[in-house]
C-alpha atoms as a PDB file:
ATOM      1  CA  MET A   1      34.498 -14.575   4.148  1.00  0.00           C
ATOM      2  CA  PHE A   2      32.736 -17.945   5.258  1.00  0.00           C
ATOM      3  CA  ILE A   3      29.056 -16.698   4.701  1.00  0.00           C
ATOM      4  CA  ARG A   4      26.675 -18.807   7.185  1.00  0.00           C
ATOM      5  CA  TYR A   5      23.084 -19.988   5.966  1.00  0.00           C
ATOM      6  CA  SER A   6      23.748 -17.745   2.502  1.00  0.00           C
ATOM      7  CA  ALA A   7      21.499 -20.037   0.601  1.00  0.00           C
ATOM      8  CA  LEU A   8      18.846 -19.630   2.998  1.00  0.00           C
ATOM      9  CA  LEU A   9      19.022 -15.872   3.218  1.00  0.00           C
ATOM     10  CA  LYS A  10      16.977 -14.177   0.757  1.00  0.00           C
ATOM     11  CA  VAL A  11      18.884 -10.901   0.801  1.00  0.00           C
ATOM     12  CA  SER A  12      21.847 -10.060  -1.383  1.00  0.00           C
ATOM     13  CA  GLU A  13      25.561 -10.295   0.585  1.00  0.00           C
ATOM     14  CA  LYS A  14      25.761  -6.638  -0.812  1.00  0.00           C
ATOM     15  CA  THR A  15      22.663  -5.149   1.652  1.00  0.00           C
ATOM     16  CA  VAL A  16      24.291  -7.468   4.092  1.00  0.00           C
ATOM     17  CA  ILE A  17      27.668  -5.590   3.737  1.00  0.00           C
ATOM     18  CA  LYS A  18      25.920  -2.345   3.800  1.00  0.00           C
ATOM     19  CA  ILE A  19      23.921  -3.265   7.021  1.00  0.00           C
ATOM     20  CA  ALA A  20      27.018  -4.452   8.685  1.00  0.00           C
ATOM     21  CA  GLU A  21      29.539  -1.041   7.915  1.00  0.00           C
ATOM     22  CA  LYS A  22      26.298   0.802   9.564  1.00  0.00           C
ATOM     23  CA  LEU A  23      26.259  -1.626  12.622  1.00  0.00           C
ATOM     24  CA  GLN A  24      30.293  -1.159  12.918  1.00  0.00           C
ATOM     25  CA  ASP A  25      29.986   2.874  12.788  1.00  0.00           C
ATOM     26  CA  LYS A  26      27.152   2.546  15.621  1.00  0.00           C
ATOM     27  CA  TYR A  27      28.770   0.601  18.184  1.00  0.00           C
ATOM     28  CA  GLN A  28      31.084   2.555  20.340  1.00  0.00           C
ATOM     29  CA  ARG A  29      33.135  -0.697  21.589  1.00  0.00           C
ATOM     30  CA  ARG A  30      33.153  -4.187  19.393  1.00  0.00           C
ATOM     31  CA  PRO A  31      30.692  -6.931  20.553  1.00  0.00           C
ATOM     32  CA  LYS A  32      31.184 -10.099  20.676  1.00  0.00           C
ATOM     33  CA  LEU A  33      29.206 -11.221  16.940  1.00  0.00           C
ATOM     34  CA  ASP A  34      31.031 -10.202  14.392  1.00  0.00           C
ATOM     35  CA  TYR A  35      28.825  -7.282  12.489  1.00  0.00           C
ATOM     36  CA  PHE A  36      28.359  -9.534   9.437  1.00  0.00           C
ATOM     37  CA  LEU A  37      27.311 -12.115  11.492  1.00  0.00           C
ATOM     38  CA  GLN A  38      24.734  -9.498  13.206  1.00  0.00           C
ATOM     39  CA  ALA A  39      23.277  -8.436  10.093  1.00  0.00           C
ATOM     40  CA  VAL A  40      22.718 -11.486   9.004  1.00  0.00           C
ATOM     41  CA  LEU A  41      21.344 -12.752  12.425  1.00  0.00           C
ATOM     42  CA  GLY A  42      19.028  -9.544  11.928  1.00  0.00           C
ATOM     43  CA  LEU A  43      17.864 -10.259   8.219  1.00  0.00           C
ATOM     44  CA  LEU A  44      17.017 -13.728   9.306  1.00  0.00           C
ATOM     45  CA  TYR A  45      14.564 -12.343  11.699  1.00  0.00           C
ATOM     46  CA  LEU A  46      13.008  -9.920   9.434  1.00  0.00           C
ATOM     47  CA  ALA A  47      13.290 -12.285   6.202  1.00  0.00           C
ATOM     48  CA  GLU A  48      12.021 -16.026   7.676  1.00  0.00           C
ATOM     49  CA  HIS A  49      11.047 -14.922  10.841  1.00  0.00           C
ATOM     50  CA  LYS A  50      13.188 -17.415  12.756  1.00  0.00           C
ATOM     51  CA  THR A  51      12.183 -17.281  16.565  1.00  0.00           C
ATOM     52  CA  ILE A  52      14.842 -15.373  19.102  1.00  0.00           C
ATOM     53  CA  GLU A  53      15.628 -19.103  20.781  1.00  0.00           C
ATOM     54  CA  GLN A  54      16.124 -20.445  17.443  1.00  0.00           C
ATOM     55  CA  LEU A  55      18.872 -17.668  16.252  1.00  0.00           C
ATOM     56  CA  ALA A  56      20.705 -17.584  19.692  1.00  0.00           C
ATOM     57  CA  GLU A  57      21.091 -21.411  19.546  1.00  0.00           C
ATOM     58  CA  GLU A  58      22.261 -21.042  15.659  1.00  0.00           C
ATOM     59  CA  PHE A  59      24.539 -18.190  16.268  1.00  0.00           C
ATOM     60  CA  GLY A  60      25.771 -18.610  19.693  1.00  0.00           C
ATOM     61  CA  PRO A  61      25.018 -15.656  21.888  1.00  0.00           C
ATOM     62  CA  SER A  62      22.191 -15.753  24.739  1.00  0.00           C
ATOM     63  CA  VAL A  63      18.800 -15.056  24.097  1.00  0.00           C
ATOM     64  CA  GLY A  64      19.180 -11.568  25.428  1.00  0.00           C
ATOM     65  CA  SER A  65      22.349 -10.402  23.047  1.00  0.00           C
ATOM     66  CA  THR A  66      20.342 -12.175  20.517  1.00  0.00           C
ATOM     67  CA  HIS A  67      17.302  -9.885  21.171  1.00  0.00           C
ATOM     68  CA  ASN A  68      19.773  -6.787  21.089  1.00  0.00           C
ATOM     69  CA  TYR A  69      21.456  -7.633  17.830  1.00  0.00           C
ATOM     70  CA  ILE A  70      17.578  -7.991  16.303  1.00  0.00           C
ATOM     71  CA  LYS A  71      16.632  -4.823  18.003  1.00  0.00           C
ATOM     72  CA  LEU A  72      20.151  -2.685  16.260  1.00  0.00           C
ATOM     73  CA  VAL A  73      19.736  -3.969  13.024  1.00  0.00           C
ATOM     74  CA  GLN A  74      16.166  -2.893  13.045  1.00  0.00           C
ATOM     75  CA  GLU A  75      17.414   0.525  13.946  1.00  0.00           C
ATOM     76  CA  VAL A  76      19.500   0.630  11.628  1.00  0.00           C
ATOM     77  CA  LEU A  77      17.238  -0.127   8.578  1.00  0.00           C
ATOM     78  CA  ALA A  78      15.164   2.372   9.956  1.00  0.00           C
ATOM     79  CA  GLU A  79      17.116   4.920   9.839  1.00  0.00           C
ATOM     80  CA  MET A  80      18.571   3.988   6.296  1.00  0.00           C
ATOM     81  CA  LEU A  81      14.663   4.817   4.901  1.00  0.00           C
ATOM     82  CA  PRO A  82      14.135   7.861   2.750  1.00  0.00           C
ATOM     83  CA  ASN A  83      12.410  10.481   5.003  1.00  0.00           C
ATOM     84  CA  HIS A  84       9.641  11.209   2.367  1.00  0.00           C
ATOM     85  CA  LEU A  85       7.783   7.974   2.936  1.00  0.00           C
ATOM     86  CA  THR A  86       6.587   9.034   6.317  1.00  0.00           C
ATOM     87  CA  ASP A  87       5.704  12.616   4.949  1.00  0.00           C
ATOM     88  CA  LEU A  88       2.196  12.913   4.233  1.00  0.00           C
ATOM     89  CA  VAL A  89       1.976  16.579   3.118  1.00  0.00           C
ATOM     90  CA  GLY A  90       5.250  16.108   1.025  1.00  0.00           C
ATOM     91  CA  ALA A  91       3.708  13.454  -0.525  1.00  0.00           C
ATOM     92  CA  LEU A  92       0.508  15.151  -1.338  1.00  0.00           C
ATOM     93  CA  ARG A  93       2.163  17.773  -2.857  1.00  0.00           C
ATOM     94  CA  GLU A  94       4.664  15.980  -5.004  1.00  0.00           C
ATOM     95  CA  HIS A  95       1.812  13.930  -6.289  1.00  0.00           C
ATOM     96  CA  LYS A  96      -1.455  15.588  -7.342  1.00  0.00           C
ATOM     97  CA  GLU A  97      -3.363  11.866  -8.050  1.00  0.00           C
ATOM     98  CA  THR A  98      -3.118   9.473  -5.462  1.00  0.00           C
ATOM     99  CA  VAL A  99      -4.653   5.862  -4.479  1.00  0.00           C
ATOM    100  CA  LEU A 100      -5.293   5.344  -0.588  1.00  0.00           C
ATOM    101  CA  ASP A 101      -5.988   1.799   1.071  1.00  0.00           C
ATOM    102  CA  GLY A 102      -5.463   0.159   4.365  1.00  0.00           C
ATOM    103  CA  THR A 103      -3.690  -3.232   4.993  1.00  0.00           C
ATOM    104  CA  PHE A 104      -3.996  -5.593   8.396  1.00  0.00           C
ATOM    105  CA  LEU A 105      -0.716  -7.249   9.532  1.00  0.00           C
ATOM    106  CA  PHE A 106      -1.752 -10.239  11.372  1.00  0.00           C
ATOM    107  CA  PHE A 107       0.546 -10.215  15.204  1.00  0.00           C
ATOM    108  CA  ALA A 108      -0.091 -13.728  16.894  1.00  0.00           C
ATOM    109  CA  ASN A 109       0.623 -12.281  20.465  1.00  0.00           C
ATOM    110  CA  CYS A 110      -1.629  -8.551  20.361  1.00  0.00           C
ATOM    111  CA  TYR A 111      -3.791 -10.100  22.669  1.00  0.00           C
ATOM    112  CA  ASN A 112      -4.755  -6.365  24.024  1.00  0.00           C
ATOM    113  CA  SER A 113      -7.819  -4.420  24.067  1.00  0.00           C
ATOM    114  CA  GLY A 114      -8.509  -2.744  20.414  1.00  0.00           C
ATOM    115  CA  PHE A 115      -6.253  -5.609  18.411  1.00  0.00           C
ATOM    116  CA  TYR A 116      -8.338  -7.612  17.046  1.00  0.00           C
ATOM    117  CA  SER A 117     -10.329  -6.876  13.713  1.00  0.00           C
ATOM    118  CA  GLY A 118     -13.999  -8.409  13.039  1.00  0.00           C
ATOM    119  CA  LYS A 119     -12.961  -8.408   9.234  1.00  0.00           C
ATOM    120  CA  PRO A 120     -10.206 -10.715   8.721  1.00  0.00           C
ATOM    121  CA  ARG A 121     -11.050 -12.500  12.781  1.00  0.00           C
ATOM    122  CA  LYS A 122      -7.213 -11.954  13.548  1.00  0.00           C
ATOM    123  CA  THR A 123      -5.541  -9.720  15.853  1.00  0.00           C
ATOM    124  CA  GLY A 124      -2.914  -7.438  14.870  1.00  0.00           C
ATOM    125  CA  VAL A 125      -2.570  -3.658  13.575  1.00  0.00           C
ATOM    126  CA  ASN A 126      -3.646  -1.215  10.383  1.00  0.00           C
ATOM    127  CA  VAL A 127      -1.469   0.209   8.437  1.00  0.00           C
ATOM    128  CA  GLN A 128      -2.434   3.317   5.668  1.00  0.00           C
ATOM    129  CA  PHE A 129      -1.009   2.846   2.721  1.00  0.00           C
ATOM    130  CA  LEU A 130      -0.745   6.014  -0.440  1.00  0.00           C
ATOM    131  CA  THR A 131       0.811   5.043  -3.551  1.00  0.00           C
ATOM    132  CA  ASN A 132       0.877   6.899  -7.178  1.00  0.00           C
ATOM    133  CA  LEU A 133      -0.665   5.996  -9.970  1.00  0.00           C
ATOM    134  CA  GLN A 134       1.806   3.443 -11.054  1.00  0.00           C
ATOM    135  CA  GLY A 135       1.729   1.725  -7.516  1.00  0.00           C
ATOM    136  CA  GLU A 136       4.937   3.336  -6.537  1.00  0.00           C
ATOM    137  CA  VAL A 137       4.099   3.506  -2.884  1.00  0.00           C
ATOM    138  CA  ILE A 138       5.063   7.253  -1.583  1.00  0.00           C
ATOM    139  CA  TRP A 139       3.580   7.238   2.165  1.00  0.00           C
ATOM    140  CA  PHE A 140       2.334   4.783   4.820  1.00  0.00           C
ATOM    141  CA  SER A 141       1.025   5.610   8.281  1.00  0.00           C
ATOM    142  CA  PRO A 142       2.118   4.533  11.728  1.00  0.00           C
ATOM    143  CA  CYS A 143       0.862   1.362  13.258  1.00  0.00           C
ATOM    144  CA  LEU A 144      -2.753   1.849  14.774  1.00  0.00           C
ATOM    145  CA  PRO A 145      -4.685  -1.028  16.889  1.00  0.00           C
ATOM    146  CA  GLY A 146      -6.519  -3.563  14.582  1.00  0.00           C
ATOM    147  CA  ALA A 147     -10.013  -2.568  15.522  1.00  0.00           C
ATOM    148  CA  THR A 148      -9.373   1.044  13.821  1.00  0.00           C
ATOM    149  CA  HIS A 149     -11.422   1.261  10.695  1.00  0.00           C
ATOM    150  CA  ASP A 150      -9.723   2.916   7.898  1.00  0.00           C
ATOM    151  CA  THR A 151     -11.948   5.710   8.125  1.00  0.00           C
ATOM    152  CA  LYS A 152     -10.927   6.666  11.547  1.00  0.00           C
ATOM    153  CA  ALA A 153      -7.531   6.238  10.513  1.00  0.00           C
ATOM    154  CA  ALA A 154      -7.827   8.334   7.513  1.00  0.00           C
ATOM    155  CA  ARG A 155      -8.807  10.840  10.025  1.00  0.00           C
ATOM    156  CA  ILE A 156      -6.501  10.494  12.743  1.00  0.00           C
ATOM    157  CA  PHE A 157      -4.464  11.389  10.370  1.00  0.00           C
ATOM    158  CA  ASP A 158      -6.128  13.979   8.705  1.00  0.00           C
ATOM    159  CA  ILE A 159      -5.563  13.003   4.744  1.00  0.00           C
ATOM    160  CA  ALA A 160      -8.344  14.796   3.324  1.00  0.00           C
ATOM    161  CA  GLY A 161      -6.920  17.832   5.268  1.00  0.00           C
ATOM    162  CA  ALA A 162      -3.691  17.239   4.257  1.00  0.00           C
ATOM    163  CA  ALA A 163      -4.445  16.665   0.409  1.00  0.00           C
ATOM    164  CA  ALA A 164      -6.776  19.730   0.444  1.00  0.00           C
ATOM    165  CA  GLU A 165      -3.650  21.726   1.423  1.00  0.00           C
ATOM    166  CA  ALA A 166      -1.483  20.145  -1.331  1.00  0.00           C
ATOM    167  CA  GLY A 167      -4.496  20.339  -3.718  1.00  0.00           C
ATOM    168  CA  ALA A 168      -4.162  16.575  -4.351  1.00  0.00           C
ATOM    169  CA  VAL A 169      -6.863  14.205  -5.043  1.00  0.00           C
ATOM    170  CA  VAL A 170      -6.990  10.629  -3.291  1.00  0.00           C
ATOM    171  CA  PHE A 171      -9.048   7.260  -4.577  1.00  0.00           C
ATOM    172  CA  ALA A 172     -10.362   5.339  -2.224  1.00  0.00           C
ATOM    173  CA  ASP A 173     -12.518   2.197  -2.239  1.00  0.00           C
ATOM    174  CA  LYS A 174     -15.860   2.700  -0.234  1.00  0.00           C
ATOM    175  CA  GLY A 175     -14.731   1.626   3.098  1.00  0.00           C
ATOM    176  CA  TYR A 176     -13.636   5.489   3.965  1.00  0.00           C
ATOM    177  CA  VAL A 177     -17.343   7.168   3.173  1.00  0.00           C
ATOM    178  CA  GLY A 178     -16.850   9.990   5.822  1.00  0.00           C
ATOM    179  CA  ALA A 179     -13.289  10.274   5.900  1.00  0.00           C
ATOM    180  CA  ASP A 180     -13.405  13.322   3.567  1.00  0.00           C
ATOM    181  CA  VAL A 181     -13.952  15.372   6.843  1.00  0.00           C
ATOM    182  CA  ASP A 182     -10.628  16.976   8.562  1.00  0.00           C
ATOM    183  CA  ALA A 183      -9.615  17.375  12.299  1.00  0.00           C
ATOM    184  CA  LEU A 184     -11.553  20.842  12.686  1.00  0.00           C
ATOM    185  CA  GLY A 185     -14.412  18.732  11.297  1.00  0.00           C
ATOM    186  CA  GLN A 186     -14.555  20.531   8.115  1.00  0.00           C
ATOM    187  CA  GLN A 187     -15.545  18.669   5.083  1.00  0.00           C
ATOM    188  CA  HIS A 188     -13.370  18.184   1.892  1.00  0.00           C
ATOM    189  CA  ASN A 189     -13.858  16.847  -1.483  1.00  0.00           C
ATOM    190  CA  THR A 190     -10.382  15.823  -1.817  1.00  0.00           C
ATOM    191  CA  ILE A 191     -11.176  12.107  -1.074  1.00  0.00           C
ATOM    192  CA  CYS A 192     -12.994   9.876  -4.296  1.00  0.00           C
ATOM    193  CA  PHE A 193     -14.599   6.626  -3.518  1.00  0.00           C
ATOM    194  CA  MET A 194     -14.354   4.103  -6.154  1.00  0.00           C
ATOM    195  CA  SER A 195     -16.586   1.151  -5.925  1.00  0.00           C
ATOM    196  CA  ARG A 196     -17.420  -1.538  -8.511  1.00  0.00           C
ATOM    197  CA  ILE A 197     -21.173  -1.691  -9.343  1.00  0.00           C
ATOM    198  CA  TYR A 198     -22.556  -4.953  -9.388  1.00  0.00           C
ATOM    199  CA  ARG A 199     -26.066  -4.889  -9.635  1.00  0.00           C
ATOM    200  CA  ASN A 200     -25.979  -3.951 -13.409  1.00  0.00           C
ATOM    201  CA  THR A 201     -23.904  -6.222 -15.805  1.00  0.00           C
ATOM    202  CA  ASP A 202     -24.178  -4.254 -18.785  1.00  0.00           C
ATOM    203  CA  ALA A 203     -21.299  -3.559 -21.231  1.00  0.00           C
ATOM    204  CA  GLU A 204     -21.123   0.244 -19.973  1.00  0.00           C
ATOM    205  CA  VAL A 205     -21.170  -0.898 -16.624  1.00  0.00           C
ATOM    206  CA  LYS A 206     -18.401  -3.409 -16.847  1.00  0.00           C
ATOM    207  CA  ASN A 207     -15.619  -1.110 -18.777  1.00  0.00           C
ATOM    208  CA  MET A 208     -16.796   1.296 -15.385  1.00  0.00           C
ATOM    209  CA  ASN A 209     -15.861  -1.780 -13.226  1.00  0.00           C
ATOM    210  CA  ARG A 210     -12.896  -2.570 -15.681  1.00  0.00           C
ATOM    211  CA  GLN A 211     -11.556   1.212 -15.006  1.00  0.00           C
ATOM    212  CA  ILE A 212     -12.220   1.415 -10.946  1.00  0.00           C
ATOM    213  CA  SER A 213     -10.722  -2.113 -10.386  1.00  0.00           C
ATOM    214  CA  LYS A 214      -7.360  -0.985 -12.606  1.00  0.00           C
ATOM    215  CA  VAL A 215      -7.031   2.439 -10.475  1.00  0.00           C
ATOM    216  CA  ARG A 216      -7.742   0.341  -7.204  1.00  0.00           C
ATOM    217  CA  ARG A 217      -5.417  -2.805  -7.809  1.00  0.00           C
ATOM    218  CA  VAL A 218      -1.775  -0.388  -7.942  1.00  0.00           C
ATOM    219  CA  VAL A 219      -2.436   0.007  -4.158  1.00  0.00           C
ATOM    220  CA  GLU A 220      -2.867  -3.496  -3.641  1.00  0.00           C
ATOM    221  CA  THR A 221      -0.061  -5.024  -5.399  1.00  0.00           C
ATOM    222  CA  PRO A 222       2.623  -3.771  -2.547  1.00  0.00           C
ATOM    223  CA  PHE A 223       0.866  -5.331   0.132  1.00  0.00           C
ATOM    224  CA  SER A 224       1.098  -8.667  -1.543  1.00  0.00           C
ATOM    225  CA  ARG A 225       5.105  -8.095  -2.217  1.00  0.00           C
ATOM    226  CA  LEU A 226       5.650  -6.496   1.478  1.00  0.00           C
ATOM    227  CA  LYS A 227       3.720  -9.479   2.914  1.00  0.00           C
ATOM    228  CA  ASN A 228       6.666 -11.791   1.491  1.00  0.00           C
ATOM    229  CA  TRP A 229       9.356 -11.040   4.202  1.00  0.00           C
ATOM    230  CA  GLY A 230       8.392 -13.579   6.922  1.00  0.00           C
ATOM    231  CA  ILE A 231       7.879 -11.250   9.544  1.00  0.00           C
ATOM    232  CA  LEU A 232       4.707  -9.546   8.212  1.00  0.00           C
ATOM    233  CA  LYS A 233       3.142 -13.061   7.187  1.00  0.00           C
ATOM    234  CA  LYS A 234       2.724 -13.611  10.744  1.00  0.00           C
ATOM    235  CA  CYS A 235       4.565 -11.922  13.474  1.00  0.00           C
ATOM    236  CA  ARG A 236       5.519 -13.078  17.430  1.00  0.00           C
ATOM    237  CA  MET A 237       6.375  -9.203  18.251  1.00  0.00           C
ATOM    238  CA  ASN A 238       4.389  -8.914  21.588  1.00  0.00           C
ATOM    239  CA  VAL A 239       2.875  -4.939  21.647  1.00  0.00           C
ATOM    240  CA  LYS A 240       3.285  -4.112  25.577  1.00  0.00           C
ATOM    241  CA  GLY A 241       6.083  -2.689  24.641  1.00  0.00           C
ATOM    242  CA  GLY A 242       4.205  -0.016  22.718  1.00  0.00           C
ATOM    243  CA  LEU A 243       3.066   0.705  18.785  1.00  0.00           C
ATOM    244  CA  HIS A 244       6.668   2.017  18.201  1.00  0.00           C
ATOM    245  CA  ARG A 245       8.093  -1.080  18.207  1.00  0.00           C
ATOM    246  CA  ILE A 246       5.880  -2.154  15.837  1.00  0.00           C
ATOM    247  CA  ASP A 247       6.784   0.924  13.859  1.00  0.00           C
ATOM    248  CA  ARG A 248      10.254   0.469  13.947  1.00  0.00           C
ATOM    249  CA  MET A 249       9.872  -3.132  12.311  1.00  0.00           C
ATOM    250  CA  LEU A 250       7.794  -1.866   9.725  1.00  0.00           C
ATOM    251  CA  ARG A 251       9.803   1.189   8.816  1.00  0.00           C
ATOM    252  CA  ALA A 252      12.843  -1.811   9.008  1.00  0.00           C
ATOM    253  CA  VAL A 253      10.944  -3.912   6.389  1.00  0.00           C
ATOM    254  CA  VAL A 254      10.004  -1.159   3.897  1.00  0.00           C
ATOM    255  CA  SER A 255      14.170   0.002   4.091  1.00  0.00           C
ATOM    256  CA  LEU A 256      15.157  -3.179   3.212  1.00  0.00           C
ATOM    257  CA  HIS A 257      12.587  -3.646   0.730  1.00  0.00           C
ATOM    258  CA  LEU A 258      14.247  -1.024  -1.205  1.00  0.00           C
ATOM    259  CA  LEU A 259      17.621  -1.587  -0.593  1.00  0.00           C
ATOM    260  CA  GLU A 260      17.190  -4.580  -2.599  1.00  0.00           C
ATOM    261  CA  GLU A 261      15.836  -2.915  -5.234  1.00  0.00           C
ATOM    262  CA  LYS A 262      12.307  -4.829  -5.416  1.00  0.00           C
ATOM    263  CA  SER A 263       9.470  -3.328  -7.098  1.00  0.00           C
ATOM    264  CA  TRP A 264       6.344  -2.530  -5.960  1.00  0.00           C
END
């Protein structure tokens, strides 16, 4: 079989075939573009983040059809995502010690109110991640507007209350101070705030800083590895259709990362 763009696509042929089979099961009638090429088209959008116009010109269908093919590939990948990655209480019950941190995803077309973040001075969305102490992602949140602070995000998803229910401890940085209040306003001690000390430089403090950095590092690495996928570096999606479109895209990227058996 002739594989278009096989040299440029950062995804294995095994993954492309698996997605093509899922597309074939999902369709009620045979489309104009071959299932395999549809999968390649959608994966080029996620991995390389080529524009819809570029993909339409290279593969042949109209811009509208190309958009629909990309949407279908994302839906298929999102459906293949393991359910436990979106179950906060289940993740905390299984892992009694976890690390929490948020990341900012830059979106070039997020000019709506509430999507501008003063820290990176860019527009985008806020996503919360939980990892175990080995650095494996065990839960990630739906997307929130980029102006949402990490403390507010933790309260929205009631991470403190879920940790109290599961009997777990969540390690976080000082950006989450005040987040250990559940949705009912009850104070919990389930979020442990870890921050490096800079004022004192003796050997004991340096050793403490190393231990804190070692714990916090495990949640930073998955961010950088996920952002190797082109669409998460600088996405051009428009959020006017709703944050659920970005949630679907993020689930598709995480699912693709797992299908490729890439490490966290």
